[in-house]
Amino acid sequence: MIPLPICNEYHIKTDIKEHTLAPCYIIFGNDSFLKKQNAESIIKAIVEPDDVFNYQKFSGECDLQEVYDAKE
């Protein structure tokens, strides 16, 4: 299992720029705009616009087991 580092907006931008994205990001915080902006940046960097097979989005109310099952 790959450990997930805690990163900030700078790290996400650097990951996108250097094409070194992590397998999973959990985005949280108080600023809804920044959360949405960072999520959309990651999505645009890795998912084709029409790719519904490899793209799954979960709300903050999801069960982590559901996320794990989707990953598998």
Protein backbone atom coordinates (compact mmCIF):
# COMPACT_ATOMS: atom_id res chain seq x y z
CA MET A 1 0.00 0.00 0.00
CA ILE A 2 1.33 3.44 -0.96
CA PRO A 3 1.17 5.97 1.90
CA LEU A 4 -0.75 9.13 1.11
CA PRO A 5 1.22 12.27 1.97
CA ILE A 6 -0.50 15.34 3.30
CA CYS A 7 -0.01 18.15 0.83
CA ASN A 8 -1.24 21.65 0.16
CA GLU A 9 -2.26 23.59 -2.94
CA TYR A 10 1.40 24.17 -3.91
CA HIS A 11 2.12 20.42 -3.87
CA ILE A 12 -0.94 19.65 -5.99
CA LYS A 13 0.09 22.24 -8.59
CA THR A 14 3.64 20.85 -8.60
CA ASP A 15 2.35 17.27 -8.98
CA ILE A 16 0.24 18.33 -11.97
CA LYS A 17 3.09 20.29 -13.58
CA GLU A 18 5.60 17.45 -13.14
CA HIS A 19 3.10 14.70 -14.03
CA THR A 20 3.69 12.96 -10.68
CA LEU A 21 0.14 12.71 -9.42
CA ALA A 22 -0.59 10.43 -6.49
CA PRO A 23 -3.05 7.55 -6.94
CA CYS A 24 -5.51 9.23 -4.59
CA TYR A 25 -6.19 12.66 -3.11
CA ILE A 26 -8.57 13.44 -0.27
CA ILE A 27 -9.38 17.13 -0.48
CA PHE A 28 -10.75 18.80 2.63
CA GLY A 29 -10.92 22.19 4.30
CA ASN A 30 -13.17 25.14 4.95
CA ASP A 31 -12.84 26.95 1.60
CA SER A 32 -15.30 25.35 -0.82
CA PHE A 33 -13.98 27.32 -3.78
CA LEU A 34 -10.38 26.14 -3.28
CA LYS A 35 -11.47 22.55 -2.72
CA LYS A 36 -13.47 22.57 -5.95
CA GLN A 37 -10.69 24.33 -7.87
CA ASN A 38 -8.03 21.82 -6.75
CA ALA A 39 -10.28 18.85 -7.50
CA GLU A 40 -11.05 20.16 -10.98
CA SER A 41 -7.34 20.75 -11.66
CA ILE A 42 -6.51 17.16 -10.74
CA ILE A 43 -9.42 15.82 -12.78
CA LYS A 44 -8.39 17.81 -15.89
CA ALA A 45 -4.81 16.53 -15.54
CA ILE A 46 -5.68 12.82 -15.49
CA VAL A 47 -9.11 12.12 -16.97
CA GLU A 48 -10.30 12.55 -20.52
CA PRO A 49 -13.53 14.63 -20.60
CA ASP A 50 -15.72 11.72 -21.76
CA ASP A 51 -14.12 8.93 -19.70
CA VAL A 52 -16.91 7.69 -17.43
CA PHE A 53 -15.27 4.30 -16.86
CA ASN A 54 -12.11 5.47 -15.06
CA TYR A 55 -13.61 8.44 -13.23
CA GLN A 56 -15.57 8.23 -9.99
CA LYS A 57 -16.47 11.15 -7.78
CA PHE A 58 -17.56 10.78 -4.17
CA SER A 59 -19.22 13.34 -1.94
CA GLY A 60 -17.97 14.19 1.53
CA GLU A 61 -20.74 12.01 2.91
CA CYS A 62 -19.47 8.78 1.32
CA ASP A 63 -18.31 5.73 3.22
CA LEU A 64 -14.55 5.08 2.94
CA GLN A 65 -15.33 1.42 2.28
CA GLU A 66 -17.19 2.58 -0.84
CA VAL A 67 -14.06 4.45 -2.01
CA TYR A 68 -11.85 1.44 -1.29
CA ASP A 69 -14.20 -0.89 -3.17
CA ALA A 70 -14.16 1.41 -6.20
CA LYS A 71 -10.36 1.50 -6.11
CA GLU A 72 -10.21 -2.28 -6.18
